[in-house]
């Protein structure tokens, strides 16, 4: 888990979590998911 480094988005999406499996370590990219409150997710239509 990490704090959102983008100041412009941190208010709505304050944290993220890395979900990439070790099997994908060879890739130069990573997979992350935003962490938001349930209320904010409902308001955003998730």
PDB file of N, CA and C in Angstrom:
ATOM      1  N   UNK A   1       0.845  -1.148   0.000  1.00  0.00           N
ATOM      2  CA  UNK A   1       0.000   0.000   0.000  1.00  0.00           C
ATOM      3  C   UNK A   1       0.904   1.229   0.000  1.00  0.00           C
ATOM      4  N   UNK A   2       0.470   2.265  -0.720  1.00  0.00           N
ATOM      5  CA  UNK A   2       1.268   3.483  -0.803  1.00  0.00           C
ATOM      6  C   UNK A   2       0.350   4.686  -0.956  1.00  0.00           C
ATOM      7  N   UNK A   3       0.837   5.837  -0.554  1.00  0.00           N
ATOM      8  CA  UNK A   3       0.091   7.078  -0.726  1.00  0.00           C
ATOM      9  C   UNK A   3       0.130   7.472  -2.196  1.00  0.00           C
ATOM     10  N   UNK A   4      -0.971   7.993  -2.696  1.00  0.00           N
ATOM     11  CA  UNK A   4      -1.054   8.430  -4.086  1.00  0.00           C
ATOM     12  C   UNK A   4      -0.071   9.579  -4.306  1.00  0.00           C
ATOM     13  N   UNK A   5       0.883   9.423  -5.224  1.00  0.00           N
ATOM     14  CA  UNK A   5       1.868  10.481  -5.448  1.00  0.00           C
ATOM     15  C   UNK A   5       1.330  11.656  -6.265  1.00  0.00           C
ATOM     16  N   UNK A   6       0.183  11.499  -6.919  1.00  0.00           N
ATOM     17  CA  UNK A   6      -0.398  12.577  -7.725  1.00  0.00           C
ATOM     18  C   UNK A   6      -1.254  13.472  -6.840  1.00  0.00           C
ATOM     19  N   UNK A   7      -0.758  14.642  -6.538  1.00  0.00           N
ATOM     20  CA  UNK A   7      -1.468  15.568  -5.667  1.00  0.00           C
ATOM     21  C   UNK A   7      -2.863  15.891  -6.188  1.00  0.00           C
ATOM     22  N   UNK A   8      -3.011  16.000  -7.507  1.00  0.00           N
ATOM     23  CA  UNK A   8      -4.301  16.362  -8.083  1.00  0.00           C
ATOM     24  C   UNK A   8      -5.360  15.281  -7.896  1.00  0.00           C
ATOM     25  N   UNK A   9      -4.965  14.036  -7.673  1.00  0.00           N
ATOM     26  CA  UNK A   9      -5.910  12.931  -7.518  1.00  0.00           C
ATOM     27  C   UNK A   9      -5.966  12.377  -6.102  1.00  0.00           C
ATOM     28  N   UNK A  10      -5.060  12.810  -5.248  1.00  0.00           N
ATOM     29  CA  UNK A  10      -4.935  12.219  -3.917  1.00  0.00           C
ATOM     30  C   UNK A  10      -6.159  12.442  -3.036  1.00  0.00           C
ATOM     31  N   UNK A  11      -6.914  13.498  -3.268  1.00  0.00           N
ATOM     32  CA  UNK A  11      -8.088  13.724  -2.424  1.00  0.00           C
ATOM     33  C   UNK A  11      -9.142  12.645  -2.646  1.00  0.00           C
ATOM     34  N   UNK A  12      -9.383  12.271  -3.884  1.00  0.00           N
ATOM     35  CA  UNK A  12     -10.385  11.252  -4.184  1.00  0.00           C
ATOM     36  C   UNK A  12      -9.856   9.828  -4.111  1.00  0.00           C
ATOM     37  N   UNK A  13      -8.564   9.667  -4.382  1.00  0.00           N
ATOM     38  CA  UNK A  13      -7.927   8.343  -4.342  1.00  0.00           C
ATOM     39  C   UNK A  13      -6.654   8.485  -3.510  1.00  0.00           C
ATOM     40  N   UNK A  14      -6.785   8.434  -2.188  1.00  0.00           N
ATOM     41  CA  UNK A  14      -5.635   8.713  -1.336  1.00  0.00           C
ATOM     42  C   UNK A  14      -4.555   7.626  -1.316  1.00  0.00           C
ATOM     43  N   UNK A  15      -4.935   6.382  -1.609  1.00  0.00           N
ATOM     44  CA  UNK A  15      -3.980   5.276  -1.519  1.00  0.00           C
ATOM     45  C   UNK A  15      -4.118   4.327  -2.699  1.00  0.00           C
ATOM     46  N   UNK A  16      -3.074   3.562  -2.925  1.00  0.00           N
ATOM     47  CA  UNK A  16      -3.080   2.508  -3.926  1.00  0.00           C
ATOM     48  C   UNK A  16      -2.449   1.266  -3.333  1.00  0.00           C
ATOM     49  N   UNK A  17      -2.664   0.144  -3.971  1.00  0.00           N
ATOM     50  CA  UNK A  17      -2.063  -1.107  -3.514  1.00  0.00           C
ATOM     51  C   UNK A  17      -1.536  -1.852  -4.733  1.00  0.00           C
ATOM     52  N   UNK A  18      -0.341  -2.428  -4.590  1.00  0.00           N
ATOM     53  CA  UNK A  18       0.275  -3.215  -5.661  1.00  0.00           C
ATOM     54  C   UNK A  18      -0.292  -4.622  -5.573  1.00  0.00           C
ATOM     55  N   UNK A  19      -0.831  -5.120  -6.701  1.00  0.00           N
ATOM     56  CA  UNK A  19      -1.439  -6.457  -6.696  1.00  0.00           C
ATOM     57  C   UNK A  19      -0.728  -7.423  -7.637  1.00  0.00           C
ATOM     58  N   UNK A  20       0.392  -7.000  -8.186  1.00  0.00           N
ATOM     59  CA  UNK A  20       1.087  -7.820  -9.175  1.00  0.00           C
ATOM     60  C   UNK A  20       1.682  -9.066  -8.536  1.00  0.00           C
ATOM     61  N   UNK A  21       1.494 -10.183  -9.178  1.00  0.00           N
ATOM     62  CA  UNK A  21       2.028 -11.456  -8.735  1.00  0.00           C
ATOM     63  C   UNK A  21       3.501 -11.564  -9.097  1.00  0.00           C
ATOM     64  N   UNK A  22       4.260 -12.318  -8.322  1.00  0.00           N
ATOM     65  CA  UNK A  22       5.690 -12.519  -8.590  1.00  0.00           C
ATOM     66  C   UNK A  22       5.946 -13.128  -9.968  1.00  0.00           C
ATOM     67  N   UNK A  23       4.963 -13.835 -10.525  1.00  0.00           N
ATOM     68  CA  UNK A  23       5.138 -14.439 -11.848  1.00  0.00           C
ATOM     69  C   UNK A  23       5.318 -13.377 -12.936  1.00  0.00           C
ATOM     70  N   UNK A  24       4.905 -12.148 -12.654  1.00  0.00           N
ATOM     71  CA  UNK A  24       4.990 -11.077 -13.639  1.00  0.00           C
ATOM     72  C   UNK A  24       6.150 -10.119 -13.365  1.00  0.00           C
ATOM     73  N   UNK A  25       7.078 -10.511 -12.506  1.00  0.00           N
ATOM     74  CA  UNK A  25       8.207  -9.641 -12.159  1.00  0.00           C
ATOM     75  C   UNK A  25       9.063  -9.252 -13.360  1.00  0.00           C
ATOM     76  N   UNK A  26       9.061 -10.055 -14.404  1.00  0.00           N
ATOM     77  CA  UNK A  26       9.892  -9.765 -15.578  1.00  0.00           C
ATOM     78  C   UNK A  26       9.359  -8.573 -16.377  1.00  0.00           C
ATOM     79  N   UNK A  27       8.109  -8.197 -16.155  1.00  0.00           N
ATOM     80  CA  UNK A  27       7.536  -7.062 -16.867  1.00  0.00           C
ATOM     81  C   UNK A  27       8.098  -5.756 -16.323  1.00  0.00           C
ATOM     82  N   UNK A  28       8.217  -4.764 -17.181  1.00  0.00           N
ATOM     83  CA  UNK A  28       8.738  -3.457 -16.778  1.00  0.00           C
ATOM     84  C   UNK A  28       7.659  -2.592 -16.136  1.00  0.00           C
ATOM     85  N   UNK A  29       6.451  -3.100 -16.042  1.00  0.00           N
ATOM     86  CA  UNK A  29       5.347  -2.347 -15.457  1.00  0.00           C
ATOM     87  C   UNK A  29       4.812  -3.075 -14.235  1.00  0.00           C
ATOM     88  N   UNK A  30       3.960  -2.430 -13.491  1.00  0.00           N
ATOM     89  CA  UNK A  30       3.345  -3.050 -12.335  1.00  0.00           C
ATOM     90  C   UNK A  30       1.846  -2.869 -12.387  1.00  0.00           C
ATOM     91  N   UNK A  31       1.126  -3.696 -11.644  1.00  0.00           N
ATOM     92  CA  UNK A  31      -0.324  -3.577 -11.598  1.00  0.00           C
ATOM     93  C   UNK A  31      -0.714  -3.074 -10.215  1.00  0.00           C
ATOM     94  N   UNK A  32      -1.489  -2.001 -10.195  1.00  0.00           N
ATOM     95  CA  UNK A  32      -1.949  -1.430  -8.937  1.00  0.00           C
ATOM     96  C   UNK A  32      -3.454  -1.177  -9.004  1.00  0.00           C
ATOM     97  N   UNK A  33      -4.058  -1.080  -7.839  1.00  0.00           N
ATOM     98  CA  UNK A  33      -5.476  -0.735  -7.730  1.00  0.00           C
ATOM     99  C   UNK A  33      -5.613   0.471  -6.823  1.00  0.00           C
ATOM    100  N   UNK A  34      -6.509   1.383  -7.176  1.00  0.00           N
ATOM    101  CA  UNK A  34      -6.751   2.514  -6.283  1.00  0.00           C
ATOM    102  C   UNK A  34      -7.579   2.064  -5.083  1.00  0.00           C
ATOM    103  N   UNK A  35      -7.313   2.646  -3.932  1.00  0.00           N
ATOM    104  CA  UNK A  35      -8.105   2.377  -2.735  1.00  0.00           C
ATOM    105  C   UNK A  35      -8.915   3.623  -2.424  1.00  0.00           C
ATOM    106  N   UNK A  36     -10.225   3.474  -2.411  1.00  0.00           N
ATOM    107  CA  UNK A  36     -11.128   4.571  -2.116  1.00  0.00           C
ATOM    108  C   UNK A  36     -12.129   4.118  -1.067  1.00  0.00           C
ATOM    109  N   UNK A  37     -12.779   5.066  -0.438  1.00  0.00           N
ATOM    110  CA  UNK A  37     -13.818   4.712   0.530  1.00  0.00           C
ATOM    111  C   UNK A  37     -15.024   4.141  -0.216  1.00  0.00           C
ATOM    112  N   UNK A  38     -15.822   3.364   0.479  1.00  0.00           N
ATOM    113  CA  UNK A  38     -17.035   2.797  -0.132  1.00  0.00           C
ATOM    114  C   UNK A  38     -17.953   3.912  -0.616  1.00  0.00           C
ATOM    115  N   UNK A  39     -18.063   4.982   0.156  1.00  0.00           N
ATOM    116  CA  UNK A  39     -18.911   6.120  -0.224  1.00  0.00           C
ATOM    117  C   UNK A  39     -18.422   6.740  -1.520  1.00  0.00           C
ATOM    118  N   UNK A  40     -17.123   6.967  -1.635  1.00  0.00           N
ATOM    119  CA  UNK A  40     -16.582   7.560  -2.866  1.00  0.00           C
ATOM    120  C   UNK A  40     -16.740   6.629  -4.053  1.00  0.00           C
ATOM    121  N   UNK A  41     -16.625   5.318  -3.832  1.00  0.00           N
ATOM    122  CA  UNK A  41     -16.800   4.366  -4.930  1.00  0.00           C
ATOM    123  C   UNK A  41     -18.232   4.386  -5.436  1.00  0.00           C
ATOM    124  N   UNK A  42     -19.203   4.459  -4.529  1.00  0.00           N
ATOM    125  CA  UNK A  42     -20.612   4.524  -4.931  1.00  0.00           C
ATOM    126  C   UNK A  42     -20.882   5.819  -5.690  1.00  0.00           C
ATOM    127  N   UNK A  43     -20.360   6.924  -5.189  1.00  0.00           N
ATOM    128  CA  UNK A  43     -20.557   8.206  -5.871  1.00  0.00           C
ATOM    129  C   UNK A  43     -19.944   8.231  -7.259  1.00  0.00           C
ATOM    130  N   UNK A  44     -18.847   7.473  -7.436  1.00  0.00           N
ATOM    131  CA  UNK A  44     -18.179   7.426  -8.729  1.00  0.00           C
ATOM    132  C   UNK A  44     -18.816   6.408  -9.669  1.00  0.00           C
ATOM    133  N   UNK A  45     -19.758   5.611  -9.163  1.00  0.00           N
ATOM    134  CA  UNK A  45     -20.456   4.642 -10.001  1.00  0.00           C
ATOM    135  C   UNK A  45     -19.785   3.293 -10.103  1.00  0.00           C
ATOM    136  N   UNK A  46     -18.922   2.956  -9.139  1.00  0.00           N
ATOM    137  CA  UNK A  46     -18.269   1.634  -9.153  1.00  0.00           C
ATOM    138  C   UNK A  46     -19.149   0.585  -8.550  1.00  0.00           C
TER     139      UNK A  46
END
